[in-house]
Amino acid sequence: MIHIFPLTLNTYMPQMWLFEGQDRLTQYSSRSVQNVVKNALKKAGITKRVTPHTLRHCFATHLMDNGVQLPYIQALLGHKDIKTTMIYTHVTNGSITNVASPLDSLRLSIKKP
């Protein structure tokens, strides 16, 4: 989908909203977004429960995995309290393996006999 996004922007040239409603002055309704996600899941054969809110969680997690600092994620998600943002960010296996252990530096300083 990311590959067709620039084409979509160039074709439809949204003025006010990224995903405009039928009259181009209003945004897509939340119900319309839910239907789009539901239909996309069905077409893709995905049976796991995914909602537009799930996509919001994924967005926050991917930002964290790519090194974006929590206050920036908080601003992008529009949260007043950073604790709310922390709920949205999930630790993935990839990010856990990249965390340096304090014991790693000990290993380097110990000389073998």
N, C-alpha and C. Protein backbone atom coordinates (compact mmCIF):
# COMPACT_ATOMS: atom_id res chain seq x y z
N MET A 1 0.81 -1.19 0.00
CA MET A 1 0.00 0.00 0.00
C MET A 1 0.86 1.26 0.00
N ILE A 2 1.97 1.20 0.68
CA ILE A 2 2.83 2.38 0.77
C ILE A 2 3.34 2.81 -0.61
N HIS A 3 3.44 1.86 -1.54
CA HIS A 3 3.95 2.18 -2.88
C HIS A 3 2.92 2.93 -3.72
N ILE A 4 1.63 2.70 -3.46
CA ILE A 4 0.60 3.38 -4.25
C ILE A 4 0.15 4.69 -3.61
N PHE A 5 0.61 4.96 -2.40
CA PHE A 5 0.17 6.15 -1.69
C PHE A 5 0.50 7.45 -2.44
N PRO A 6 1.74 7.64 -2.93
CA PRO A 6 2.02 8.88 -3.68
C PRO A 6 1.14 9.01 -4.92
N LEU A 7 0.86 7.90 -5.59
CA LEU A 7 0.00 7.92 -6.77
C LEU A 7 -1.41 8.38 -6.38
N THR A 8 -1.89 7.87 -5.26
CA THR A 8 -3.22 8.26 -4.77
C THR A 8 -3.26 9.75 -4.47
N LEU A 9 -2.23 10.27 -3.82
CA LEU A 9 -2.19 11.70 -3.51
C LEU A 9 -2.19 12.54 -4.78
N ASN A 10 -1.42 12.11 -5.78
CA ASN A 10 -1.35 12.85 -7.03
C ASN A 10 -2.65 12.77 -7.82
N THR A 11 -3.34 11.64 -7.72
CA THR A 11 -4.59 11.46 -8.46
C THR A 11 -5.73 12.25 -7.83
N TYR A 12 -5.91 12.12 -6.52
CA TYR A 12 -7.06 12.73 -5.85
C TYR A 12 -6.78 14.12 -5.29
N MET A 13 -5.54 14.44 -5.08
CA MET A 13 -5.11 15.73 -4.56
C MET A 13 -6.03 16.26 -3.45
N PRO A 14 -6.01 15.61 -2.29
CA PRO A 14 -6.88 16.05 -1.20
C PRO A 14 -6.54 17.48 -0.77
N GLN A 15 -7.56 18.25 -0.46
CA GLN A 15 -7.37 19.65 -0.09
C GLN A 15 -7.28 19.86 1.41
N MET A 16 -8.20 19.24 2.15
CA MET A 16 -8.27 19.52 3.57
C MET A 16 -7.93 18.29 4.42
N TRP A 17 -8.41 17.13 4.03
CA TRP A 17 -8.23 15.91 4.79
C TRP A 17 -7.47 14.91 3.93
N LEU A 18 -6.65 14.09 4.57
CA LEU A 18 -5.94 13.05 3.83
C LEU A 18 -6.93 12.08 3.21
N PHE A 19 -7.94 11.68 3.98
CA PHE A 19 -9.00 10.81 3.49
C PHE A 19 -10.30 11.60 3.55
N GLU A 20 -10.68 12.17 2.43
CA GLU A 20 -11.84 13.05 2.38
C GLU A 20 -13.13 12.26 2.20
N GLY A 21 -14.22 12.84 2.72
CA GLY A 21 -15.54 12.27 2.52
C GLY A 21 -16.02 12.57 1.11
N GLN A 22 -17.27 12.27 0.85
CA GLN A 22 -17.81 12.44 -0.50
C GLN A 22 -17.82 13.89 -0.97
N ASP A 23 -18.02 14.83 -0.06
CA ASP A 23 -18.09 16.23 -0.49
C ASP A 23 -16.74 16.94 -0.44
N ARG A 24 -15.68 16.23 -0.10
CA ARG A 24 -14.30 16.73 -0.05
C ARG A 24 -14.07 17.79 1.03
N LEU A 25 -15.12 18.19 1.73
CA LEU A 25 -14.97 19.17 2.80
C LEU A 25 -15.02 18.52 4.17
N THR A 26 -15.43 17.28 4.20
CA THR A 26 -15.49 16.53 5.46
C THR A 26 -14.54 15.35 5.37
N GLN A 27 -14.11 14.90 6.52
CA GLN A 27 -13.23 13.73 6.54
C GLN A 27 -14.06 12.45 6.49
N TYR A 28 -13.39 11.34 6.19
CA TYR A 28 -14.04 10.03 6.23
C TYR A 28 -14.63 9.84 7.61
N SER A 29 -15.81 9.28 7.67
CA SER A 29 -16.39 9.00 8.99
C SER A 29 -15.67 7.82 9.61
N SER A 30 -15.74 7.73 10.93
CA SER A 30 -15.08 6.60 11.61
C SER A 30 -15.70 5.28 11.15
N ARG A 31 -16.99 5.27 10.87
CA ARG A 31 -17.65 4.05 10.39
C ARG A 31 -17.11 3.65 9.02
N SER A 32 -16.87 4.62 8.15
CA SER A 32 -16.31 4.32 6.83
C SER A 32 -14.91 3.73 6.94
N VAL A 33 -14.11 4.28 7.84
CA VAL A 33 -12.76 3.75 8.06
C VAL A 33 -12.84 2.31 8.57
N GLN A 34 -13.77 2.05 9.50
CA GLN A 34 -13.95 0.68 10.01
C GLN A 34 -14.31 -0.27 8.88
N ASN A 35 -15.18 0.17 7.98
CA ASN A 35 -15.56 -0.68 6.84
C ASN A 35 -14.40 -0.93 5.90
N VAL A 36 -13.59 0.09 5.65
CA VAL A 36 -12.41 -0.08 4.79
C VAL A 36 -11.47 -1.12 5.38
N VAL A 37 -11.19 -1.01 6.68
CA VAL A 37 -10.29 -1.96 7.35
C VAL A 37 -10.89 -3.36 7.30
N LYS A 38 -12.17 -3.47 7.60
CA LYS A 38 -12.85 -4.77 7.60
C LYS A 38 -12.77 -5.44 6.23
N ASN A 39 -13.04 -4.66 5.18
CA ASN A 39 -13.00 -5.21 3.82
C ASN A 39 -11.58 -5.59 3.40
N ALA A 40 -10.60 -4.78 3.80
CA ALA A 40 -9.20 -5.09 3.47
C ALA A 40 -8.76 -6.38 4.15
N LEU A 41 -9.16 -6.57 5.40
CA LEU A 41 -8.81 -7.79 6.12
C LEU A 41 -9.44 -9.01 5.45
N LYS A 42 -10.68 -8.86 5.05
CA LYS A 42 -11.38 -9.96 4.39
C LYS A 42 -10.70 -10.33 3.07
N LYS A 43 -10.36 -9.30 2.27
CA LYS A 43 -9.68 -9.55 0.99
C LYS A 43 -8.32 -10.21 1.19
N ALA A 44 -7.63 -9.83 2.25
CA ALA A 44 -6.29 -10.37 2.52
C ALA A 44 -6.35 -11.72 3.22
N GLY A 45 -7.54 -12.15 3.63
CA GLY A 45 -7.67 -13.43 4.31
C GLY A 45 -7.16 -13.41 5.75
N ILE A 46 -7.12 -12.25 6.35
CA ILE A 46 -6.65 -12.11 7.73
C ILE A 46 -7.83 -12.31 8.67
N THR A 47 -7.69 -13.26 9.58
CA THR A 47 -8.79 -13.56 10.50
C THR A 47 -8.58 -12.94 11.88
N LYS A 48 -7.38 -12.47 12.14
CA LYS A 48 -7.10 -11.83 13.43
C LYS A 48 -7.92 -10.54 13.55
N ARG A 49 -8.40 -10.25 14.75
CA ARG A 49 -9.19 -9.05 14.97
C ARG A 49 -8.29 -7.82 14.87
N VAL A 50 -8.56 -6.99 13.88
CA VAL A 50 -7.81 -5.75 13.68
C VAL A 50 -8.82 -4.62 13.49
N THR A 51 -8.59 -3.53 14.19
CA THR A 51 -9.47 -2.36 14.09
C THR A 51 -8.61 -1.15 13.71
N PRO A 52 -9.24 -0.05 13.33
CA PRO A 52 -8.45 1.16 13.09
C PRO A 52 -7.61 1.54 14.32
N HIS A 53 -8.12 1.24 15.50
CA HIS A 53 -7.36 1.54 16.72
C HIS A 53 -6.10 0.66 16.80
N THR A 54 -6.19 -0.57 16.29
CA THR A 54 -5.02 -1.44 16.24
C THR A 54 -3.93 -0.79 15.39
N LEU A 55 -4.34 -0.16 14.30
CA LEU A 55 -3.38 0.51 13.42
C LEU A 55 -2.70 1.67 14.15
N ARG A 56 -3.42 2.32 15.02
CA ARG A 56 -2.85 3.41 15.83
C ARG A 56 -1.77 2.87 16.77
N HIS A 57 -2.05 1.73 17.39
CA HIS A 57 -1.06 1.08 18.25
C HIS A 57 0.18 0.69 17.44
N CYS A 58 -0.04 0.13 16.27
CA CYS A 58 1.09 -0.27 15.41
C CYS A 58 1.93 0.94 15.02
N PHE A 59 1.27 2.03 14.68
CA PHE A 59 1.97 3.26 14.32
C PHE A 59 2.90 3.70 15.44
N ALA A 60 2.39 3.73 16.66
CA ALA A 60 3.19 4.14 17.81
C ALA A 60 4.35 3.17 18.04
N THR A 61 4.09 1.88 17.90
CA THR A 61 5.14 0.87 18.10
C THR A 61 6.24 1.01 17.06
N HIS A 62 5.86 1.20 15.80
CA HIS A 62 6.86 1.36 14.74
C HIS A 62 7.69 2.63 14.94
N LEU A 63 7.06 3.68 15.41
CA LEU A 63 7.82 4.90 15.69
C LEU A 63 8.87 4.62 16.76
N MET A 64 8.46 3.94 17.83
CA MET A 64 9.42 3.61 18.90
C MET A 64 10.54 2.72 18.39
N ASP A 65 10.18 1.70 17.60
CA ASP A 65 11.19 0.79 17.05
C ASP A 65 12.19 1.52 16.16
N ASN A 66 11.78 2.64 15.58
CA ASN A 66 12.66 3.41 14.71
C ASN A 66 13.35 4.55 15.44
N GLY A 67 13.29 4.51 16.77
CA GLY A 67 14.06 5.46 17.57
C GLY A 67 13.41 6.80 17.83
N VAL A 68 12.14 6.95 17.50
CA VAL A 68 11.46 8.22 17.77
C VAL A 68 11.22 8.32 19.28
N GLN A 69 11.56 9.46 19.85
CA GLN A 69 11.43 9.64 21.29
C GLN A 69 9.97 9.79 21.70
N LEU A 70 9.68 9.31 22.90
CA LEU A 70 8.32 9.26 23.42
C LEU A 70 7.56 10.59 23.36
N PRO A 71 8.19 11.73 23.70
CA PRO A 71 7.44 13.00 23.62
C PRO A 71 6.96 13.33 22.19
N TYR A 72 7.73 12.93 21.18
CA TYR A 72 7.30 13.16 19.80
C TYR A 72 6.12 12.27 19.45
N ILE A 73 6.17 11.02 19.90
CA ILE A 73 5.06 10.10 19.66
C ILE A 73 3.82 10.62 20.37
N GLN A 74 4.00 11.11 21.59
CA GLN A 74 2.90 11.70 22.35
C GLN A 74 2.24 12.82 21.55
N ALA A 75 3.05 13.69 20.97
CA ALA A 75 2.52 14.82 20.19
C ALA A 75 1.79 14.32 18.95
N LEU A 76 2.37 13.35 18.26
CA LEU A 76 1.74 12.82 17.04
C LEU A 76 0.40 12.15 17.33
N LEU A 77 0.29 11.50 18.48
CA LEU A 77 -0.95 10.83 18.84
C LEU A 77 -1.94 11.78 19.51
N GLY A 78 -1.47 12.97 19.88
CA GLY A 78 -2.36 13.96 20.49
C GLY A 78 -2.72 13.68 21.93
N HIS A 79 -1.80 13.04 22.65
CA HIS A 79 -2.06 12.72 24.05
C HIS A 79 -1.60 13.86 24.96
N LYS A 80 -2.40 14.16 25.97
CA LYS A 80 -2.01 15.16 26.96
C LYS A 80 -1.03 14.57 27.97
N ASP A 81 -1.27 13.32 28.35
CA ASP A 81 -0.47 12.65 29.37
C ASP A 81 0.42 11.59 28.71
N ILE A 82 1.71 11.65 28.98
CA ILE A 82 2.65 10.70 28.38
C ILE A 82 2.37 9.27 28.82
N LYS A 83 1.71 9.10 29.97
CA LYS A 83 1.36 7.75 30.43
C LYS A 83 0.40 7.08 29.45
N THR A 84 -0.46 7.85 28.84
CA THR A 84 -1.37 7.31 27.83
C THR A 84 -0.57 6.82 26.63
N THR A 85 0.42 7.58 26.22
CA THR A 85 1.26 7.19 25.09
C THR A 85 2.00 5.90 25.40
N MET A 86 2.43 5.74 26.63
CA MET A 86 3.18 4.54 27.00
C MET A 86 2.31 3.29 26.88
N ILE A 87 1.00 3.43 27.04
CA ILE A 87 0.09 2.29 26.84
C ILE A 87 0.09 1.87 25.37
N TYR A 88 0.20 2.84 24.48
CA TYR A 88 0.14 2.57 23.05
C TYR A 88 1.40 1.91 22.50
N THR A 89 2.50 2.10 23.17
CA THR A 89 3.76 1.59 22.65
C THR A 89 4.05 0.22 23.23
N HIS A 90 4.24 -0.72 22.36
CA HIS A 90 4.50 -2.10 22.76
C HIS A 90 5.95 -2.43 22.48
N VAL A 91 6.55 -3.20 23.35
CA VAL A 91 7.93 -3.63 23.13
C VAL A 91 7.91 -4.83 22.21
N THR A 92 8.66 -4.75 21.13
CA THR A 92 8.73 -5.87 20.20
C THR A 92 10.00 -6.66 20.44
N ASN A 93 10.03 -7.89 19.95
CA ASN A 93 11.21 -8.74 20.11
C ASN A 93 12.45 -8.10 19.51
N GLY A 94 12.30 -7.43 18.38
CA GLY A 94 13.44 -6.79 17.73
C GLY A 94 14.04 -5.70 18.59
N SER A 95 13.21 -4.91 19.23
CA SER A 95 13.74 -3.82 20.04
C SER A 95 14.35 -4.33 21.33
N ILE A 96 13.85 -5.44 21.85
CA ILE A 96 14.42 -6.01 23.09
C ILE A 96 15.83 -6.53 22.84
N THR A 97 16.06 -7.15 21.70
CA THR A 97 17.39 -7.72 21.44
C THR A 97 18.43 -6.64 21.19
N ASN A 98 17.99 -5.43 20.87
CA ASN A 98 18.93 -4.33 20.62
C ASN A 98 19.32 -3.57 21.89
N VAL A 99 18.70 -3.90 23.00
CA VAL A 99 19.02 -3.22 24.26
C VAL A 99 20.34 -3.76 24.80
N ALA A 100 21.24 -2.84 25.08
CA ALA A 100 22.54 -3.25 25.61
C ALA A 100 22.42 -3.59 27.09
N SER A 101 23.01 -4.68 27.46
CA SER A 101 23.01 -5.10 28.86
C SER A 101 24.22 -4.48 29.55
N PRO A 102 24.08 -4.04 30.79
CA PRO A 102 25.23 -3.52 31.52
C PRO A 102 26.29 -4.60 31.72
N LEU A 103 25.88 -5.85 31.65
CA LEU A 103 26.83 -6.95 31.81
C LEU A 103 27.74 -7.10 30.60
N ASP A 104 27.29 -6.61 29.44
CA ASP A 104 28.12 -6.68 28.23
C ASP A 104 29.44 -5.94 28.42
N SER A 105 29.40 -4.79 29.07
CA SER A 105 30.62 -4.02 29.28
C SER A 105 31.54 -4.71 30.28
N LEU A 106 30.99 -5.45 31.21
CA LEU A 106 31.81 -6.20 32.17
C LEU A 106 32.61 -7.28 31.45
N ARG A 107 31.96 -7.93 30.52
CA ARG A 107 32.62 -8.99 29.77
C ARG A 107 33.84 -8.46 29.01
N LEU A 108 33.70 -7.25 28.49
CA LEU A 108 34.80 -6.67 27.72
C LEU A 108 35.98 -6.30 28.61
N SER A 109 35.71 -5.93 29.85
CA SER A 109 36.79 -5.48 30.73
C SER A 109 37.51 -6.64 31.43
N ILE A 110 36.94 -7.83 31.40
CA ILE A 110 37.58 -8.98 32.05
C ILE A 110 38.56 -9.61 31.07
N LYS A 111 39.80 -9.72 31.49
CA LYS A 111 40.83 -10.33 30.63
C LYS A 111 40.93 -11.81 30.93
N LYS A 112 41.10 -12.56 29.88
CA LYS A 112 41.25 -14.01 30.06
C LYS A 112 42.67 -14.32 30.51
N PRO A 113 42.82 -15.36 31.35
CA PRO A 113 44.17 -15.73 31.84
C PRO A 113 45.05 -16.27 30.75
